[in-house]
Amino acid sequence: MRSTTITRTRTAASAKEGSTRTRKRAAKIGAVLASVALVVTACGNKAQPPGAGGDYPKGPVSVTAPAEPGSGWDTTARALVEALQKEDIVSSPLPVQNKPGGTGCSWLTSMMQQEKGKDDQIAITSLASQTMKARNLCEFGPEDTTLIATLYVEDFMVVTPKDGDFKDLDALVKALKDDPQKVTVAAAGDDTLPFALFAKEAGVDPADINFVNYDGGGEQTTAMLNGDAKVAIAGLSEFRSVIEAGDIEPLVTFAQEPLAAPFDKVPTAKDSGYDVTLGNWRGVYGPAEMPQEAVDFWAKALEDVSKSDAWQETLKNNQWATEFHTGDDAQAYVDDAAKTVAEGVKETDLGNSK
């Protein structure tokens, strides 16, 4: 078995015991990765880098979630802004805007072209954008942007309606083997990869999976509850509220270890006999050729917020594992992730020709 080792550090805020631990994810050559990235906001002396002179930012800075409300990008953007302002790290207005389209590709392209050189825009990115590029569905990936920071990793989860066809993982696998076209899988463009890896491990050709694209957990949940999808895959935070409300149920997570309560009873794919471990990193980036003053400012602001009580509480509540990097370390982390994603896409034959 070929393997890739991913290091994932879980902070006190992401584990009930309050300990910091490093999780090394061993993933088969198709069992990919996750981790890294997030940057946003800063202002005032606390987030002011040397040499900034207090000049930046001079006005509002838009924080963009390139998907619908309820998506992981949206949850991240709003939680980040809330923590930055609650901790008094940034005093400038930080309006959050949703710019869905192409699983993040539409806004990413704008940031590389129309917003080039600007200092009043930052956005959330993740493994999703790397998968889109690896599948030839987007020209750009986060490794091409002005990457500011990596922040955390979230484990993928497969869910189904409470009164749906599948009461457990075995039932889902049986249905996939019997007739995969009858199992409609709601997934954003990027989330097809972990499910495809799982299908291959289960002996099902990923090319036969009936994926239907939805931009984020909000749309995926609606599709399941309306009967338009049998199962869905995304990060835990995108489904948490509807799981807690009793509308949908988790079938499996691709975490390396069992999740913390109240999701500690959800089986991992690995413990269920399927060697797939994969998490979704998220982070923050700026436009192409963003002024260095702005990059330094946001890097410092994000470093400050990553240590704050407000952000640590967010990590804990969403079971996000911290993975904070800036500068060359962040770029190296994201570059490594891109290579691993490319391997997974090749392994599952998910690439599309342009």
Protein backbone atom coordinates (compact mmCIF):
# COMPACT_ATOMS: atom_id res chain seq x y z
CA MET A 1 0.00 0.00 0.00
CA ARG A 2 1.36 3.34 -0.99
CA SER A 3 0.75 6.04 1.57
CA THR A 4 0.96 9.75 2.19
CA THR A 5 1.38 10.99 5.74
CA ILE A 6 -0.50 14.12 6.66
CA THR A 7 0.15 15.88 9.96
CA ARG A 8 -2.86 17.39 11.62
CA THR A 9 -2.71 19.22 14.94
CA ARG A 10 -5.88 19.23 17.05
CA THR A 11 -5.97 22.06 19.60
CA ALA A 12 -7.63 22.32 22.98
CA ALA A 13 -10.52 23.95 21.24
CA SER A 14 -11.10 21.02 18.92
CA ALA A 15 -11.01 18.24 21.50
CA LYS A 16 -13.10 18.04 24.63
CA GLU A 17 -10.15 17.00 26.73
CA GLY A 18 -8.43 20.27 25.88
CA SER A 19 -5.17 18.69 24.77
CA THR A 20 -3.13 19.47 21.69
CA ARG A 21 -2.32 16.56 19.52
CA THR A 22 -0.90 15.85 16.14
CA ARG A 23 -2.83 13.51 13.92
CA LYS A 24 -0.90 11.81 11.21
CA ARG A 25 -3.19 10.84 8.44
CA ALA A 26 -2.04 7.87 6.50
CA ALA A 27 -3.91 7.83 3.26
CA LYS A 28 -3.61 5.42 0.39
CA ILE A 29 -2.49 7.02 -2.80
CA GLY A 30 -5.98 7.94 -3.28
CA ALA A 31 -6.94 8.73 0.24
CA VAL A 32 -6.20 12.37 0.25
CA LEU A 33 -5.49 15.10 2.36
CA ALA A 34 -6.67 17.96 4.06
CA SER A 35 -5.50 20.83 5.88
CA VAL A 36 -4.45 24.36 5.87
CA ALA A 37 -5.45 27.79 5.23
CA LEU A 38 -7.26 30.81 6.35
CA VAL A 39 -6.62 34.45 6.49
CA VAL A 40 -8.63 37.44 7.00
CA THR A 41 -8.77 40.62 8.83
CA ALA A 42 -6.96 42.97 10.96
CA CYS A 43 -6.74 46.43 12.26
CA GLY A 44 -5.55 48.41 15.20
CA ASN A 45 -2.22 47.99 16.89
CA LYS A 46 -2.84 44.37 17.82
CA ALA A 47 -2.79 43.17 14.21
CA GLN A 48 -0.46 45.82 12.85
CA PRO A 49 2.74 44.43 11.31
CA PRO A 50 6.03 46.29 11.53
CA GLY A 51 6.23 49.10 9.03
CA ALA A 52 2.51 49.26 8.38
CA GLY A 53 2.35 52.67 9.99
CA GLY A 54 -1.34 52.28 10.79
CA ASP A 55 -2.21 53.18 7.18
CA TYR A 56 -3.93 49.95 6.30
CA PRO A 57 -6.76 49.20 5.98
CA LYS A 58 -8.17 52.58 5.02
CA GLY A 59 -11.73 51.32 4.64
CA PRO A 60 -13.91 48.21 4.57
CA VAL A 61 -12.40 44.92 3.44
CA SER A 62 -14.79 42.41 1.88
CA VAL A 63 -14.55 38.82 3.06
CA THR A 64 -15.92 36.52 0.37
CA ALA A 65 -17.39 33.05 0.75
CA PRO A 66 -17.45 31.72 -2.84
CA ALA A 67 -20.57 29.60 -2.22
CA GLU A 68 -24.10 29.80 -0.89
CA PRO A 69 -25.01 30.50 2.77
CA GLY A 70 -24.68 27.32 4.80
CA SER A 71 -21.58 26.14 2.97
CA GLY A 72 -18.30 25.47 4.74
CA TRP A 73 -16.79 28.55 3.13
CA ASP A 74 -19.68 30.66 4.37
CA THR A 75 -19.49 29.23 7.90
CA THR A 76 -15.76 29.90 7.98
CA ALA A 77 -16.02 33.47 6.70
CA ARG A 78 -18.70 34.47 9.19
CA ALA A 79 -17.04 32.73 12.15
CA LEU A 80 -13.72 34.35 11.30
CA VAL A 81 -15.16 37.85 11.02
CA GLU A 82 -17.06 37.38 14.28
CA ALA A 83 -13.89 36.32 16.11
CA LEU A 84 -11.78 39.13 14.63
CA GLN A 85 -14.29 41.73 15.76
CA LYS A 86 -15.16 40.15 19.09
CA GLU A 87 -11.47 40.05 20.03
CA ASP A 88 -11.02 43.65 18.84
CA ILE A 89 -8.34 42.59 16.37
CA VAL A 90 -9.89 44.46 13.45
CA SER A 91 -11.90 47.65 13.73
CA SER A 92 -12.52 48.26 10.01
CA PRO A 93 -15.83 46.97 8.60
CA LEU A 94 -15.57 43.40 7.29
CA PRO A 95 -18.68 42.74 5.19
CA VAL A 96 -19.16 39.08 4.28
CA GLN A 97 -20.43 38.45 0.76
CA ASN A 98 -21.51 35.22 -0.93
CA LYS A 99 -20.30 34.75 -4.51
CA PRO A 100 -21.31 31.22 -5.54
CA GLY A 101 -20.43 29.68 -8.85
CA GLY A 102 -18.34 26.82 -10.15
CA THR A 103 -17.47 25.49 -6.70
CA GLY A 104 -15.45 28.60 -5.97
CA CYS A 105 -13.94 28.91 -9.43
CA SER A 106 -15.95 31.96 -10.49
CA TRP A 107 -14.76 34.14 -7.63
CA LEU A 108 -11.25 32.70 -7.66
CA THR A 109 -10.94 33.72 -11.30
CA SER A 110 -12.15 37.23 -10.44
CA MET A 111 -9.57 37.48 -7.67
CA MET A 112 -6.84 36.49 -10.11
CA GLN A 113 -7.99 38.87 -12.83
CA GLN A 114 -10.55 41.60 -12.06
CA GLU A 115 -9.39 42.18 -8.46
CA LYS A 116 -5.69 41.90 -9.28
CA GLY A 117 -3.50 44.21 -7.20
CA LYS A 118 -6.28 45.32 -4.84
CA ASP A 119 -6.02 45.36 -1.04
CA ASP A 120 -9.69 45.47 -0.05
CA GLN A 121 -10.64 41.86 -0.81
CA ILE A 122 -9.89 38.58 0.91
CA ALA A 123 -11.65 35.25 0.43
CA ILE A 124 -11.93 31.75 1.83
CA THR A 125 -10.39 28.85 -0.05
CA SER A 126 -9.89 25.14 0.57
CA LEU A 127 -9.20 21.68 -0.78
CA ALA A 128 -12.24 22.25 -3.00
CA SER A 129 -10.43 24.67 -5.26
CA GLN A 130 -7.44 22.34 -5.55
CA THR A 131 -9.72 19.50 -6.61
CA MET A 132 -11.41 21.69 -9.21
CA LYS A 133 -8.05 22.60 -10.73
CA ALA A 134 -6.82 19.00 -10.64
CA ARG A 135 -9.98 17.94 -12.48
CA ASN A 136 -9.40 20.64 -15.12
CA LEU A 137 -12.61 22.36 -14.08
CA CYS A 138 -10.89 25.61 -13.11
CA GLU A 139 -7.80 27.35 -14.46
CA PHE A 140 -6.63 28.47 -11.03
CA GLY A 141 -6.08 26.91 -7.61
CA PRO A 142 -5.20 28.35 -4.20
CA GLU A 143 -1.54 27.66 -4.89
CA ASP A 144 -1.74 30.32 -7.66
CA THR A 145 -3.16 33.07 -5.45
CA THR A 146 -1.75 35.45 -2.86
CA LEU A 147 -2.05 32.92 -0.07
CA ILE A 148 -2.19 34.60 3.33
CA ALA A 149 -2.64 31.77 5.80
CA THR A 150 -3.85 28.25 6.44
CA LEU A 151 -6.09 27.74 9.40
CA TYR A 152 -7.71 24.37 10.04
CA VAL A 153 -8.80 20.99 8.70
CA GLU A 154 -12.30 19.54 8.75
CA ASP A 155 -13.17 15.88 8.24
CA PHE A 156 -15.55 14.84 5.48
CA MET A 157 -18.79 13.08 6.40
CA VAL A 158 -21.41 11.14 4.42
CA VAL A 159 -25.00 11.71 5.57
CA THR A 160 -28.47 10.51 4.61
CA PRO A 161 -32.07 11.54 5.45
CA LYS A 162 -33.27 10.14 8.78
CA ASP A 163 -36.04 8.11 7.14
CA GLY A 164 -34.02 7.35 4.01
CA ASP A 165 -33.00 4.09 2.38
CA PHE A 166 -29.78 3.57 4.29
CA LYS A 167 -29.73 2.78 7.98
CA ASP A 168 -26.00 2.15 8.09
CA LEU A 169 -22.84 2.11 5.98
CA ASP A 170 -23.27 -1.52 4.95
CA ALA A 171 -26.64 -0.71 3.39
CA LEU A 172 -25.09 2.12 1.39
CA VAL A 173 -22.24 -0.06 0.14
CA LYS A 174 -24.67 -2.81 -0.88
CA ALA A 175 -26.77 -0.32 -2.85
CA LEU A 176 -23.69 1.08 -4.58
CA LYS A 177 -22.61 -2.41 -5.61
CA ASP A 178 -26.11 -3.39 -6.78
CA ASP A 179 -26.73 -0.31 -8.93
CA PRO A 180 -24.66 2.83 -8.30
CA GLN A 181 -26.80 4.90 -10.65
CA LYS A 182 -29.74 4.57 -8.27
CA VAL A 183 -27.76 6.16 -5.43
CA THR A 184 -27.85 9.90 -6.08
CA VAL A 185 -24.93 11.53 -4.27
CA ALA A 186 -25.19 15.26 -3.57
CA ALA A 187 -21.68 16.70 -3.64
CA ALA A 188 -19.94 19.94 -4.43
CA GLY A 189 -17.42 19.56 -7.23
CA ASP A 190 -14.58 19.01 -4.80
CA ASP A 191 -16.40 16.57 -2.53
CA THR A 192 -16.66 14.00 -5.30
CA LEU A 193 -13.03 13.05 -4.65
CA PRO A 194 -13.32 11.56 -1.14
CA PHE A 195 -16.52 9.72 -2.08
CA ALA A 196 -14.87 8.38 -5.24
CA LEU A 197 -11.94 7.12 -3.18
CA PHE A 198 -14.38 5.43 -0.81
CA ALA A 199 -16.31 3.85 -3.70
CA LYS A 200 -13.12 2.43 -5.18
CA GLU A 201 -12.17 0.96 -1.80
CA ALA A 202 -15.62 -0.65 -1.67
CA GLY A 203 -15.12 -2.24 -5.09
CA VAL A 204 -17.29 0.19 -7.06
CA ASP A 205 -16.02 2.01 -10.15
CA PRO A 206 -16.00 5.75 -9.30
CA ALA A 207 -17.03 6.49 -12.89
CA ASP A 208 -20.38 4.80 -12.20
CA ILE A 209 -21.29 6.98 -9.20
CA ASN A 210 -24.30 9.24 -9.79
CA PHE A 211 -22.93 12.55 -8.53
CA VAL A 212 -25.16 15.63 -8.62
CA ASN A 213 -23.43 18.95 -8.02
CA TYR A 214 -24.69 21.26 -5.25
CA ASP A 215 -22.82 24.33 -4.02
CA GLY A 216 -22.49 23.64 -0.31
CA GLY A 217 -24.17 21.87 2.58
CA GLY A 218 -27.27 24.06 2.57
CA GLU A 219 -28.21 23.06 -0.97
CA GLN A 220 -27.24 19.45 -0.33
CA THR A 221 -29.48 19.24 2.71
CA THR A 222 -32.42 20.67 0.77
CA ALA A 223 -31.83 18.10 -1.98
CA MET A 224 -31.89 15.22 0.49
CA LEU A 225 -34.97 16.43 2.33
CA ASN A 226 -36.78 16.96 -0.99
CA GLY A 227 -35.94 13.44 -2.11
CA ASP A 228 -33.59 14.59 -4.88
CA ALA A 229 -30.53 12.92 -3.32
CA LYS A 230 -30.07 9.70 -1.36
CA VAL A 231 -26.87 10.75 0.40
CA ALA A 232 -24.57 13.76 0.56
CA ILE A 233 -20.94 14.41 1.40
CA ALA A 234 -19.36 17.54 2.86
CA GLY A 235 -17.68 18.73 6.04
CA LEU A 236 -19.29 18.11 9.42
CA SER A 237 -19.96 21.81 10.05
CA GLU A 238 -22.17 21.99 6.95
CA PHE A 239 -24.51 19.32 8.35
CA ARG A 240 -24.16 19.76 12.09
CA SER A 241 -27.34 21.74 12.73
CA VAL A 242 -29.60 19.43 10.71
CA ILE A 243 -28.02 16.36 12.30
CA GLU A 244 -28.68 17.82 15.74
CA ALA A 245 -32.25 18.65 14.67
CA GLY A 246 -32.77 15.00 13.74
CA ASP A 247 -33.45 15.57 10.04
CA ILE A 248 -30.43 13.70 8.70
CA GLU A 249 -28.09 11.04 10.03
CA PRO A 250 -24.34 10.51 9.53
CA LEU A 251 -23.26 7.22 7.97
CA VAL A 252 -19.47 7.52 7.99
CA THR A 253 -16.62 9.99 8.42
CA PHE A 254 -13.24 9.92 6.70
CA ALA A 255 -11.46 11.05 9.87
CA GLN A 256 -8.31 9.27 10.97
CA GLU A 257 -9.76 8.85 14.47
CA PRO A 258 -13.32 8.88 15.86
CA LEU A 259 -14.82 12.34 16.25
CA ALA A 260 -15.51 13.90 19.63
CA ALA A 261 -18.96 13.80 21.24
CA PRO A 262 -21.73 14.10 20.23
CA PHE A 263 -20.47 12.51 16.98
CA ASP A 264 -18.24 9.90 18.60
CA LYS A 265 -20.57 7.06 17.54
CA VAL A 266 -20.17 7.85 13.83
CA PRO A 267 -17.98 5.10 12.32
CA THR A 268 -14.81 6.02 10.47
CA ALA A 269 -14.26 4.54 7.03
CA LYS A 270 -10.93 3.18 8.22
CA ASP A 271 -12.45 1.35 11.19
CA SER A 272 -15.14 0.02 8.86
CA GLY A 273 -12.58 -1.60 6.59
CA TYR A 274 -12.16 1.10 3.95
CA ASP A 275 -8.69 2.64 3.90
CA VAL A 276 -9.71 6.22 3.18
CA THR A 277 -8.81 9.14 5.43
CA LEU A 278 -9.38 12.63 4.14
CA GLY A 279 -9.92 16.07 5.56
CA ASN A 280 -10.68 19.44 4.00
CA TRP A 281 -8.31 22.30 4.78
CA ARG A 282 -9.59 25.85 4.60
CA GLY A 283 -7.80 29.15 4.55
CA VAL A 284 -7.69 32.73 3.32
CA TYR A 285 -6.19 34.32 0.25
CA GLY A 286 -6.01 37.73 -1.41
CA PRO A 287 -6.08 38.93 -5.02
CA ALA A 288 -3.18 38.28 -7.34
CA GLU A 289 -0.39 40.79 -6.68
CA MET A 290 -1.96 41.97 -3.42
CA PRO A 291 0.24 44.70 -1.85
CA GLN A 292 2.70 43.27 0.65
CA GLU A 293 1.52 45.70 3.33
CA ALA A 294 -1.94 44.13 3.16
CA VAL A 295 -0.57 40.58 3.13
CA ASP A 296 1.54 41.26 6.23
CA PHE A 297 -1.38 42.92 7.99
CA TRP A 298 -3.75 40.00 7.44
CA ALA A 299 -1.12 37.43 8.32
CA LYS A 300 -0.61 39.12 11.69
CA ALA A 301 -4.35 39.53 12.24
CA LEU A 302 -4.96 35.87 11.52
CA GLU A 303 -2.14 34.81 13.77
CA ASP A 304 -3.68 36.86 16.58
CA VAL A 305 -7.17 35.51 16.02
CA SER A 306 -5.93 31.90 15.77
CA LYS A 307 -4.80 32.19 19.41
CA SER A 308 -7.95 33.91 20.65
CA ASP A 309 -10.57 32.39 22.93
CA ALA A 310 -13.32 33.21 20.44
CA TRP A 311 -11.66 31.30 17.61
CA GLN A 312 -10.67 28.39 19.84
CA GLU A 313 -14.32 28.05 20.82
CA THR A 314 -15.29 28.01 17.13
CA LEU A 315 -12.77 25.23 16.47
CA LYS A 316 -14.16 23.20 19.34
CA ASN A 317 -17.80 23.63 18.37
CA ASN A 318 -17.20 22.63 14.75
CA GLN A 319 -14.59 19.94 15.49
CA TRP A 320 -12.08 21.74 13.29
CA ALA A 321 -8.42 20.80 13.81
CA THR A 322 -6.06 23.76 13.81
CA GLU A 323 -3.39 23.92 11.12
CA PHE A 324 -2.14 27.48 11.12
CA HIS A 325 0.63 28.54 8.75
CA THR A 326 1.60 31.76 6.98
CA GLY A 327 4.20 32.77 4.42
CA ASP A 328 6.43 30.12 2.88
CA ASP A 329 5.18 27.46 5.30
CA ALA A 330 1.60 27.98 4.16
CA GLN A 331 2.61 27.92 0.50
CA ALA A 332 4.59 24.71 0.97
CA TYR A 333 1.68 23.09 2.79
CA VAL A 334 -0.78 24.00 0.04
CA ASP A 335 1.62 22.93 -2.71
CA ASP A 336 1.99 19.52 -1.06
CA ALA A 337 -1.77 19.25 -0.75
CA ALA A 338 -2.17 20.04 -4.46
CA LYS A 339 0.18 17.20 -5.37
CA THR A 340 -1.73 14.76 -3.18
CA VAL A 341 -5.07 15.84 -4.63
CA ALA A 342 -3.70 15.37 -8.15
CA GLU A 343 -2.68 11.81 -7.22
CA GLY A 344 -6.17 11.12 -5.89
CA VAL A 345 -7.84 12.49 -9.02
CA LYS A 346 -5.60 10.32 -11.18
CA GLU A 347 -6.26 7.26 -9.01
CA THR A 348 -10.04 7.65 -9.33
CA ASP A 349 -9.98 8.87 -12.94
CA LEU A 350 -12.00 11.97 -12.04
CA GLY A 351 -10.04 14.30 -14.32
CA ASN A 352 -11.89 16.05 -17.12
CA SER A 353 -10.27 17.12 -20.35
CA LYS A 354 -10.76 20.72 -21.45
